[in-house]
Amino acid sequence: MRILPEFLKGRMVISDAILAMLFISACLLAGSAVAQRPDYVPPGTPPVQADFTSRFPAGQLTFLNDYAGKTGKDIQKDKRFRALLKLAIPRTTYHYGRDMPLSDTVETLLDGAPLPIEIRDGRYAMIASHGGPYLSGKAFIWFDMQEGIALGGVYFHPVNGEPTPTLAIYSRQLTDTSLSMGQLPAAFHQDLAQWILVADPKWVSTRYVIPENGKKYVLLHDEDYCANPEDAPPVSPDKCERLNAEAADADVDAAYFMAQTHNAANATAWMLGPDQVAWVRFRDNTCGVDGFACRIRIARQRTRVLLGPRQN
């Protein structure tokens, strides 16, 4: 784990420190925590890693090293970076307060409250912001300069009936419409966790992936927030199980919203159907408020029903 930036040292209260440890541990262990996935497979079976197509050729990303410590506002003036954005961001209409091209959303948020650009191990570049002009928007785009991979994210609090808050991961290099977080590169998990520490979005939220086709699909939580590393201090089971339950519920919310709106990236919906209202009542009556294991089990079952065999 990398050291926190100087301006964050001493500012995290105990509860935030525990959440940070849980989230980073879960992200780094997502590849092995496959039992958290709604499409359960036997323990120890690694998830199939996502396939990235149309990778950037060697040398096309090396100029990013020149911007270490600078900001997204600085790099957006570079024509080479703007060309990368066009190749990395799916061509689709996205709803960020209003309908707009996803590329406009990303550029607006990267320009809003930019963070210093980080280059890790001379290989991984993170260009990010920690605040946008409205709706608590934040964004990032991440590059693996060695593998020629690009992954970006948009986080905000929708007001159009979509489950809120939401994090959408995007890449034109992805074609799969059925993905979990553990299928994305481990290095991406690490830098995403660091961004969450700095930018301070909600720890667990509904998550989507927008691949090359421009539609939006559920990005399943497969982290186990109770699987902290051996050298970490023990964590209260109630705290980590609460996060696991929130993650399971977030997958249900995302799956239901996508089922109702047919995977549109600019979807709007305002009312829960009677089937979902009945399910929520069944879950609450069956599990109560603190029955986390029960809530997780029932939420995974509901997510499987909503997604069907595949998210298409």
Protein backbone atom coordinates (compact mmCIF):
# COMPACT_ATOMS: atom_id res chain seq x y z
CA MET A 1 0.00 0.00 0.00
CA ARG A 2 1.34 3.47 -0.79
CA ILE A 3 1.82 6.16 1.82
CA LEU A 4 -1.01 8.68 2.11
CA PRO A 5 -0.36 12.16 0.72
CA GLU A 6 0.91 14.67 3.29
CA PHE A 7 -2.33 16.64 3.39
CA LEU A 8 -4.24 13.52 4.46
CA LYS A 9 -1.96 12.48 7.31
CA GLY A 10 -3.58 12.81 10.71
CA ARG A 11 -6.96 13.74 9.27
CA MET A 12 -8.62 10.32 9.22
CA VAL A 13 -10.63 9.45 12.31
CA ILE A 14 -10.65 5.88 13.58
CA SER A 15 -13.78 4.89 11.70
CA ASP A 16 -12.36 6.25 8.44
CA ALA A 17 -9.10 4.39 9.00
CA ILE A 18 -10.99 1.14 9.49
CA LEU A 19 -13.02 1.75 6.35
CA ALA A 20 -9.85 2.54 4.42
CA MET A 21 -8.21 -0.69 5.54
CA LEU A 22 -11.31 -2.72 4.72
CA PHE A 23 -11.76 -1.18 1.30
CA ILE A 24 -8.13 -1.47 0.18
CA SER A 25 -7.89 -5.02 1.51
CA ALA A 26 -11.07 -5.97 -0.30
CA CYS A 27 -9.90 -4.42 -3.57
CA LEU A 28 -6.53 -6.14 -3.46
CA LEU A 29 -8.10 -9.50 -2.56
CA ALA A 30 -11.02 -9.26 -5.00
CA GLY A 31 -9.45 -11.70 -7.41
CA SER A 32 -9.55 -14.52 -4.85
CA ALA A 33 -12.80 -13.60 -3.10
CA VAL A 34 -14.96 -15.15 -5.78
CA ALA A 35 -17.45 -16.50 -3.27
CA GLN A 36 -18.88 -12.99 -3.08
CA ARG A 37 -20.03 -13.16 -6.71
CA PRO A 38 -23.69 -13.82 -7.47
CA ASP A 39 -22.57 -16.41 -10.05
CA TYR A 40 -20.82 -18.40 -7.32
CA VAL A 41 -17.94 -20.69 -8.23
CA PRO A 42 -15.93 -22.99 -5.92
CA PRO A 43 -13.46 -21.29 -3.55
CA GLY A 44 -9.98 -20.88 -4.98
CA THR A 45 -11.15 -20.59 -8.58
CA PRO A 46 -9.77 -17.29 -9.91
CA PRO A 47 -12.14 -15.09 -11.93
CA VAL A 48 -11.47 -14.92 -15.65
CA GLN A 49 -9.61 -11.68 -16.25
CA ALA A 50 -11.22 -9.10 -18.50
CA ASP A 51 -10.04 -9.02 -22.08
CA PHE A 52 -8.81 -5.63 -23.31
CA THR A 53 -8.87 -5.12 -27.08
CA SER A 54 -7.29 -2.41 -29.25
CA ARG A 55 -4.51 -1.79 -26.77
CA PHE A 56 -2.31 1.27 -27.16
CA PRO A 57 0.99 0.47 -28.89
CA ALA A 58 4.27 0.70 -27.02
CA GLY A 59 5.45 4.28 -26.82
CA GLN A 60 2.08 5.98 -27.28
CA LEU A 61 1.59 6.45 -23.53
CA THR A 62 5.13 7.27 -22.40
CA PHE A 63 4.54 11.04 -22.63
CA LEU A 64 2.30 10.72 -19.56
CA ASN A 65 5.49 10.51 -17.47
CA ASP A 66 6.14 14.17 -18.30
CA TYR A 67 3.01 15.18 -16.38
CA ALA A 68 3.82 13.56 -13.03
CA GLY A 69 2.77 15.99 -10.30
CA LYS A 70 0.85 18.22 -12.69
CA THR A 71 -2.96 18.18 -12.98
CA GLY A 72 -5.76 17.07 -15.25
CA LYS A 73 -6.27 20.68 -16.24
CA ASP A 74 -2.67 20.84 -17.44
CA ILE A 75 -2.69 17.60 -19.38
CA GLN A 76 -5.98 18.30 -21.14
CA LYS A 77 -4.18 21.00 -23.10
CA ASP A 78 -1.99 18.31 -24.68
CA LYS A 79 -3.34 17.09 -28.03
CA ARG A 80 -1.81 13.67 -27.41
CA PHE A 81 -3.87 13.25 -24.24
CA ARG A 82 -7.06 14.42 -25.91
CA ALA A 83 -6.44 11.85 -28.64
CA LEU A 84 -6.11 9.17 -25.93
CA LEU A 85 -9.43 10.20 -24.41
CA LYS A 86 -11.17 9.77 -27.76
CA LEU A 87 -9.77 6.25 -28.05
CA ALA A 88 -10.47 5.31 -24.42
CA ILE A 89 -13.96 6.73 -23.77
CA PRO A 90 -16.96 4.88 -25.28
CA ARG A 91 -19.06 6.95 -27.64
CA THR A 92 -22.33 7.20 -25.79
CA THR A 93 -24.78 9.63 -24.23
CA TYR A 94 -24.40 9.74 -20.46
CA HIS A 95 -26.64 11.36 -17.86
CA TYR A 96 -24.69 13.60 -15.51
CA GLY A 97 -27.41 16.01 -14.39
CA ARG A 98 -28.43 16.18 -18.04
CA ASP A 99 -27.77 14.13 -21.14
CA MET A 100 -24.34 14.75 -22.65
CA PRO A 101 -21.58 12.76 -24.35
CA LEU A 102 -19.67 10.68 -21.82
CA SER A 103 -16.48 12.34 -23.09
CA ASP A 104 -17.88 15.76 -22.09
CA THR A 105 -18.68 14.45 -18.61
CA VAL A 106 -15.15 13.13 -18.14
CA GLU A 107 -13.46 16.27 -19.42
CA THR A 108 -15.68 18.50 -17.27
CA LEU A 109 -14.93 16.54 -14.11
CA LEU A 110 -11.20 16.20 -14.74
CA ASP A 111 -11.02 19.96 -15.18
CA GLY A 112 -13.14 20.77 -12.10
CA ALA A 113 -10.98 20.05 -9.03
CA PRO A 114 -7.97 18.18 -10.37
CA LEU A 115 -5.58 16.15 -8.24
CA PRO A 116 -1.84 15.87 -8.89
CA ILE A 117 -1.18 13.27 -11.60
CA GLU A 118 0.42 10.18 -10.11
CA ILE A 119 2.83 7.86 -11.92
CA ARG A 120 3.44 4.66 -9.97
CA ASP A 121 6.36 2.32 -10.61
CA GLY A 122 7.04 4.17 -13.85
CA ARG A 123 4.09 2.29 -15.32
CA TYR A 124 0.66 3.21 -13.90
CA ALA A 125 -0.73 6.70 -14.50
CA MET A 126 -3.74 8.11 -12.64
CA ILE A 127 -5.27 11.38 -13.83
CA ALA A 128 -8.10 12.30 -11.47
CA SER A 129 -10.23 14.92 -9.76
CA HIS A 130 -11.79 15.11 -6.32
CA GLY A 131 -14.79 17.32 -7.07
CA GLY A 132 -16.90 18.50 -9.98
CA PRO A 133 -19.18 21.46 -10.61
CA TYR A 134 -22.31 19.74 -9.23
CA LEU A 135 -23.82 16.46 -7.94
CA SER A 136 -20.60 15.67 -6.04
CA GLY A 137 -19.06 14.58 -9.32
CA LYS A 138 -15.54 13.16 -9.46
CA ALA A 139 -13.66 11.33 -12.20
CA PHE A 140 -10.43 9.60 -13.14
CA ILE A 141 -8.73 7.87 -16.01
CA TRP A 142 -6.05 5.24 -15.37
CA PHE A 143 -3.43 3.87 -17.74
CA ASP A 144 -1.16 0.85 -17.65
CA MET A 145 1.54 2.22 -19.91
CA GLN A 146 3.24 -1.15 -20.26
CA GLU A 147 0.13 -3.14 -21.26
CA GLY A 148 -1.50 -0.30 -23.21
CA ILE A 149 -4.68 -0.43 -21.11
CA ALA A 150 -7.03 2.44 -20.20
CA LEU A 151 -9.82 2.40 -17.60
CA GLY A 152 -11.77 5.40 -16.39
CA GLY A 153 -14.44 6.15 -13.84
CA VAL A 154 -17.20 8.69 -13.16
CA TYR A 155 -18.70 9.03 -9.69
CA PHE A 156 -21.62 11.28 -8.74
CA HIS A 157 -24.97 11.49 -6.94
CA PRO A 158 -27.73 11.16 -9.58
CA VAL A 159 -31.06 12.93 -9.15
CA ASN A 160 -32.85 11.21 -12.04
CA GLY A 161 -34.17 8.22 -10.15
CA GLU A 162 -30.99 6.19 -10.56
CA PRO A 163 -29.62 4.51 -7.41
CA THR A 164 -27.31 7.00 -5.77
CA PRO A 165 -24.39 7.45 -5.46
CA THR A 166 -22.99 5.64 -8.47
CA LEU A 167 -19.59 4.75 -9.93
CA ALA A 168 -19.38 3.92 -13.63
CA ILE A 169 -16.16 2.33 -14.92
CA TYR A 170 -15.65 2.80 -18.65
CA SER A 171 -13.29 1.68 -21.41
CA ARG A 172 -13.61 1.28 -25.17
CA GLN A 173 -11.13 -1.58 -24.83
CA LEU A 174 -13.71 -3.70 -23.01
CA THR A 175 -16.32 -5.69 -24.92
CA ASP A 176 -17.63 -8.04 -22.21
CA THR A 177 -21.01 -7.08 -20.77
CA SER A 178 -20.79 -9.36 -17.73
CA LEU A 179 -18.00 -8.33 -15.37
CA SER A 180 -17.12 -8.18 -11.69
CA MET A 181 -14.51 -5.95 -10.08
CA GLY A 182 -12.18 -8.92 -9.52
CA GLN A 183 -11.84 -9.33 -13.28
CA LEU A 184 -10.14 -5.95 -13.63
CA PRO A 185 -6.36 -5.62 -13.16
CA ALA A 186 -5.03 -5.84 -9.60
CA ALA A 187 -2.96 -2.70 -10.16
CA PHE A 188 -6.15 -0.86 -11.06
CA HIS A 189 -7.73 -1.99 -7.77
CA GLN A 190 -4.79 -0.54 -5.87
CA ASP A 191 -4.89 2.85 -7.57
CA LEU A 192 -8.69 2.99 -7.38
CA ALA A 193 -8.50 2.41 -3.62
CA GLN A 194 -5.93 5.19 -3.29
CA TRP A 195 -8.18 7.56 -5.28
CA ILE A 196 -11.12 6.72 -3.01
CA LEU A 197 -9.01 7.60 0.03
CA VAL A 198 -8.12 10.98 -1.45
CA ALA A 199 -11.31 11.94 -3.34
CA ASP A 200 -13.63 10.61 -0.60
CA PRO A 201 -16.53 9.10 -2.55
CA LYS A 202 -18.83 6.70 -0.68
CA TRP A 203 -17.00 3.46 0.12
CA VAL A 204 -19.70 1.20 -1.32
CA SER A 205 -22.07 2.30 -4.09
CA THR A 206 -23.87 0.97 -7.13
CA ARG A 207 -21.31 0.23 -9.82
CA TYR A 208 -21.55 -0.12 -13.56
CA VAL A 209 -19.26 -0.79 -16.48
CA ILE A 210 -19.61 0.97 -19.85
CA PRO A 211 -17.78 -1.06 -22.50
CA GLU A 212 -17.17 -0.34 -26.17
CA ASN A 213 -20.86 -0.63 -27.15
CA GLY A 214 -21.74 2.41 -25.01
CA LYS A 215 -24.38 0.69 -22.89
CA LYS A 216 -24.24 0.39 -19.11
CA TYR A 217 -24.05 -2.92 -17.23
CA VAL A 218 -23.75 -3.94 -13.60
CA LEU A 219 -20.17 -4.22 -12.37
CA LEU A 220 -20.61 -6.79 -9.64
CA HIS A 221 -19.01 -6.51 -6.22
CA ASP A 222 -16.87 -9.57 -5.58
CA GLU A 223 -14.77 -8.10 -2.78
CA ASP A 224 -14.91 -9.65 0.67
CA TYR A 225 -14.49 -6.79 3.12
CA CYS A 226 -13.81 -9.25 5.93
CA ALA A 227 -10.80 -10.83 4.17
CA ASN A 228 -8.17 -8.47 5.54
CA PRO A 229 -4.46 -9.37 5.18
CA GLU A 230 -2.75 -11.46 7.85
CA ASP A 231 -0.54 -8.56 8.97
CA ALA A 232 -3.51 -6.22 9.46
CA PRO A 233 -5.16 -5.72 12.86
CA PRO A 234 -8.41 -7.62 13.47
CA VAL A 235 -11.58 -5.95 12.25
CA SER A 236 -14.97 -6.05 13.89
CA PRO A 237 -17.13 -8.60 11.99
CA ASP A 238 -20.08 -6.25 12.25
CA LYS A 239 -18.25 -3.49 10.37
CA CYS A 240 -16.99 -5.62 7.50
CA GLU A 241 -20.19 -7.66 7.21
CA ARG A 242 -22.17 -4.44 7.04
CA LEU A 243 -20.05 -3.40 4.04
CA ASN A 244 -20.58 -6.82 2.43
CA ALA A 245 -24.34 -6.43 2.93
CA GLU A 246 -24.27 -2.91 1.47
CA ALA A 247 -22.34 -4.21 -1.55
CA ALA A 248 -24.87 -7.01 -2.11
CA ASP A 249 -27.76 -4.53 -1.86
CA ALA A 250 -25.99 -2.16 -4.27
CA ASP A 251 -25.77 -4.95 -6.85
CA VAL A 252 -29.50 -5.56 -6.52
CA ASP A 253 -30.25 -1.86 -6.97
CA ALA A 254 -27.99 -1.62 -10.01
CA ALA A 255 -29.37 -4.80 -11.58
CA TYR A 256 -32.97 -3.69 -11.08
CA PHE A 257 -32.31 -0.24 -12.54
CA MET A 258 -30.60 -1.70 -15.59
CA ALA A 259 -33.36 -4.27 -16.09
CA GLN A 260 -35.94 -1.48 -16.05
CA THR A 261 -34.01 0.85 -18.36
CA HIS A 262 -32.52 -1.67 -20.80
CA ASN A 263 -28.88 -0.78 -20.07
CA ALA A 264 -29.11 2.77 -21.40
CA ALA A 265 -26.15 4.89 -20.27
CA ASN A 266 -28.45 7.92 -19.88
CA ALA A 267 -31.30 6.01 -18.23
CA THR A 268 -33.93 7.69 -16.06
CA ALA A 269 -36.46 5.90 -13.87
CA TRP A 270 -38.43 7.06 -10.87
CA MET A 271 -40.56 4.27 -9.47
CA LEU A 272 -39.89 0.81 -8.11
CA GLY A 273 -42.10 -1.83 -9.66
CA PRO A 274 -44.35 -3.95 -7.46
CA ASP A 275 -41.98 -6.90 -7.77
CA GLN A 276 -39.08 -4.95 -6.29
CA VAL A 277 -41.24 -3.42 -3.57
CA ALA A 278 -42.39 -6.92 -2.63
CA TRP A 279 -38.79 -8.18 -2.60
CA VAL A 280 -37.62 -5.37 -0.31
CA ARG A 281 -40.47 -6.14 2.09
CA PHE A 282 -39.61 -9.86 1.99
CA ARG A 283 -35.92 -9.17 2.65
CA ASP A 284 -36.60 -6.86 5.57
CA ASN A 285 -39.17 -9.15 7.15
CA THR A 286 -36.97 -12.22 6.72
CA CYS A 287 -33.62 -10.78 7.79
CA GLY A 288 -34.40 -7.85 10.03
CA VAL A 289 -32.09 -4.86 10.22
CA ASP A 290 -28.88 -6.55 11.35
CA GLY A 291 -29.13 -9.98 9.73
CA PHE A 292 -26.21 -9.33 7.41
CA ALA A 293 -25.56 -12.91 6.32
CA CYS A 294 -29.24 -13.32 5.50
CA ARG A 295 -29.36 -10.02 3.60
CA ILE A 296 -26.27 -10.94 1.58
CA ARG A 297 -27.68 -14.36 0.64
CA ILE A 298 -31.08 -13.01 -0.39
CA ALA A 299 -29.54 -10.08 -2.28
CA ARG A 300 -27.28 -12.38 -4.31
CA GLN A 301 -30.26 -14.55 -5.20
CA ARG A 302 -32.23 -11.49 -6.33
CA THR A 303 -29.28 -10.22 -8.38
CA ARG A 304 -29.02 -13.57 -10.20
CA VAL A 305 -32.72 -13.39 -11.07
CA LEU A 306 -32.46 -9.82 -12.35
CA LEU A 307 -29.33 -10.35 -14.42
CA GLY A 308 -30.29 -13.73 -15.84
CA PRO A 309 -27.62 -15.87 -17.51
CA ARG A 310 -25.78 -12.80 -18.82
CA GLN A 311 -26.06 -9.02 -18.74
CA ASN A 312 -27.17 -8.45 -22.31
